[in-house]
Amino acid sequence: MTDNNSPDTVERVERTDVGTSLEARLKRGTSTRDEDRITIKAKGETAADTLEAFEILLARYESEYSDRLRALQPSEDNDVDEM
């Protein structure tokens, strides 16, 4: 019978990261109830790949999500913290 916890059966996995990454944090508004925050992250094998992926994500945010986030305005009757 083999003991799976013996030092002879331990598998060591070494992690290496290659490529580049880019992160941008955006904030719109100044008060608690009039504020949007978003973080966009992209990764790629090269800087060009990363920039291309970032541009795609940013365009998607601009065209789809920014208007939807701005439309989510809490009313005075519904406090977001109570949800």
C-alpha atoms as a PDB file:
ATOM      1  CA  MET A   1       0.000   0.000   0.000  1.00  0.00           C
ATOM      2  CA  THR A   2       1.357   3.439  -0.916  1.00  0.00           C
ATOM      3  CA  ASP A   3       1.061   6.421   1.399  1.00  0.00           C
ATOM      4  CA  ASN A   4      -0.049   9.426  -0.716  1.00  0.00           C
ATOM      5  CA  ASN A   5       1.274  11.839   1.897  1.00  0.00           C
ATOM      6  CA  SER A   6       4.849  10.603   1.805  1.00  0.00           C
ATOM      7  CA  PRO A   7       7.541  13.018   0.572  1.00  0.00           C
ATOM      8  CA  ASP A   8       8.196  10.785  -2.439  1.00  0.00           C
ATOM      9  CA  THR A   9       4.706  11.388  -3.832  1.00  0.00           C
ATOM     10  CA  VAL A  10       4.478  15.160  -3.332  1.00  0.00           C
ATOM     11  CA  GLU A  11       4.181  16.977  -6.632  1.00  0.00           C
ATOM     12  CA  ARG A  12       5.665  20.432  -6.799  1.00  0.00           C
ATOM     13  CA  VAL A  13       4.120  22.900  -9.220  1.00  0.00           C
ATOM     14  CA  GLU A  14       6.042  26.039 -10.039  1.00  0.00           C
ATOM     15  CA  ARG A  15       4.114  28.991 -11.396  1.00  0.00           C
ATOM     16  CA  THR A  16       5.575  31.466 -13.808  1.00  0.00           C
ATOM     17  CA  ASP A  17       3.767  34.429 -15.257  1.00  0.00           C
ATOM     18  CA  VAL A  18       4.644  35.653 -18.690  1.00  0.00           C
ATOM     19  CA  GLY A  19       3.273  38.560 -20.627  1.00  0.00           C
ATOM     20  CA  THR A  20       1.935  41.920 -19.572  1.00  0.00           C
ATOM     21  CA  SER A  21      -1.069  43.266 -17.739  1.00  0.00           C
ATOM     22  CA  LEU A  22      -2.822  46.620 -17.567  1.00  0.00           C
ATOM     23  CA  GLU A  23      -5.288  47.878 -14.977  1.00  0.00           C
ATOM     24  CA  ALA A  24      -7.219  51.142 -14.940  1.00  0.00           C
ATOM     25  CA  ARG A  25      -9.496  52.338 -12.159  1.00  0.00           C
ATOM     26  CA  LEU A  26     -12.163  54.824 -13.077  1.00  0.00           C
ATOM     27  CA  LYS A  27     -14.287  56.906 -10.744  1.00  0.00           C
ATOM     28  CA  ARG A  28     -17.118  59.218 -11.737  1.00  0.00           C
ATOM     29  CA  GLY A  29     -18.850  61.495  -9.290  1.00  0.00           C
ATOM     30  CA  THR A  30     -17.879  62.862  -5.922  1.00  0.00           C
ATOM     31  CA  SER A  31     -20.589  62.052  -3.408  1.00  0.00           C
ATOM     32  CA  THR A  32     -21.474  58.599  -2.085  1.00  0.00           C
ATOM     33  CA  ARG A  33     -24.789  58.393  -3.930  1.00  0.00           C
ATOM     34  CA  ASP A  34     -23.486  59.935  -7.144  1.00  0.00           C
ATOM     35  CA  GLU A  35     -20.438  57.810  -7.715  1.00  0.00           C
ATOM     36  CA  ASP A  36     -19.506  55.034 -10.112  1.00  0.00           C
ATOM     37  CA  ARG A  37     -16.315  53.023  -9.749  1.00  0.00           C
ATOM     38  CA  ILE A  38     -15.025  50.457 -12.189  1.00  0.00           C
ATOM     39  CA  THR A  39     -11.761  48.586 -12.629  1.00  0.00           C
ATOM     40  CA  ILE A  40     -10.785  47.345 -16.069  1.00  0.00           C
ATOM     41  CA  LYS A  41      -8.023  44.721 -16.303  1.00  0.00           C
ATOM     42  CA  ALA A  42      -6.441  43.199 -19.388  1.00  0.00           C
ATOM     43  CA  LYS A  43      -3.653  40.655 -19.904  1.00  0.00           C
ATOM     44  CA  GLY A  44      -1.748  39.527 -22.950  1.00  0.00           C
ATOM     45  CA  GLU A  45       1.416  37.853 -24.103  1.00  0.00           C
ATOM     46  CA  THR A  46       2.826  41.131 -25.426  1.00  0.00           C
ATOM     47  CA  ALA A  47       2.220  44.794 -24.693  1.00  0.00           C
ATOM     48  CA  ALA A  48       0.393  45.109 -28.024  1.00  0.00           C
ATOM     49  CA  ASP A  49      -1.888  42.168 -27.149  1.00  0.00           C
ATOM     50  CA  THR A  50      -2.615  43.696 -23.748  1.00  0.00           C
ATOM     51  CA  LEU A  51      -3.424  47.120 -25.206  1.00  0.00           C
ATOM     52  CA  GLU A  52      -5.717  45.557 -27.798  1.00  0.00           C
ATOM     53  CA  ALA A  53      -7.570  43.579 -25.119  1.00  0.00           C
ATOM     54  CA  PHE A  54      -7.815  46.690 -22.923  1.00  0.00           C
ATOM     55  CA  GLU A  55      -9.241  48.777 -25.783  1.00  0.00           C
ATOM     56  CA  ILE A  56     -11.893  46.121 -26.406  1.00  0.00           C
ATOM     57  CA  LEU A  57     -12.866  46.050 -22.722  1.00  0.00           C
ATOM     58  CA  LEU A  58     -12.925  49.846 -22.472  1.00  0.00           C
ATOM     59  CA  ALA A  59     -15.087  50.163 -25.605  1.00  0.00           C
ATOM     60  CA  ARG A  60     -17.459  47.559 -24.198  1.00  0.00           C
ATOM     61  CA  TYR A  61     -17.691  49.435 -20.909  1.00  0.00           C
ATOM     62  CA  GLU A  62     -18.305  52.725 -22.697  1.00  0.00           C
ATOM     63  CA  SER A  63     -20.982  51.319 -25.003  1.00  0.00           C
ATOM     64  CA  GLU A  64     -22.791  48.934 -22.658  1.00  0.00           C
ATOM     65  CA  TYR A  65     -22.099  49.414 -19.000  1.00  0.00           C
ATOM     66  CA  SER A  66     -21.519  53.107 -18.360  1.00  0.00           C
ATOM     67  CA  ASP A  67     -25.087  54.147 -19.209  1.00  0.00           C
ATOM     68  CA  ARG A  68     -26.512  51.184 -17.273  1.00  0.00           C
ATOM     69  CA  LEU A  69     -24.491  52.081 -14.181  1.00  0.00           C
ATOM     70  CA  ARG A  70     -25.547  55.729 -14.332  1.00  0.00           C
ATOM     71  CA  ALA A  71     -29.183  54.650 -14.611  1.00  0.00           C
ATOM     72  CA  LEU A  72     -28.917  52.802 -11.280  1.00  0.00           C
ATOM     73  CA  GLN A  73     -29.595  55.749  -9.023  1.00  0.00           C
ATOM     74  CA  PRO A  74     -30.894  54.951  -5.563  1.00  0.00           C
ATOM     75  CA  SER A  75     -33.966  56.867  -4.513  1.00  0.00           C
ATOM     76  CA  GLU A  76     -34.311  58.503  -1.121  1.00  0.00           C
ATOM     77  CA  ASP A  77     -36.790  55.759  -0.133  1.00  0.00           C
ATOM     78  CA  ASN A  78     -34.458  52.875  -1.057  1.00  0.00           C
ATOM     79  CA  ASP A  79     -31.104  53.004   0.643  1.00  0.00           C
ATOM     80  CA  VAL A  80     -28.622  50.746  -1.168  1.00  0.00           C
ATOM     81  CA  ASP A  81     -26.958  49.766   2.111  1.00  0.00           C
ATOM     82  CA  GLU A  82     -30.204  48.179   3.321  1.00  0.00           C
ATOM     83  CA  MET A  83     -30.356  45.621   0.480  1.00  0.00           C
END
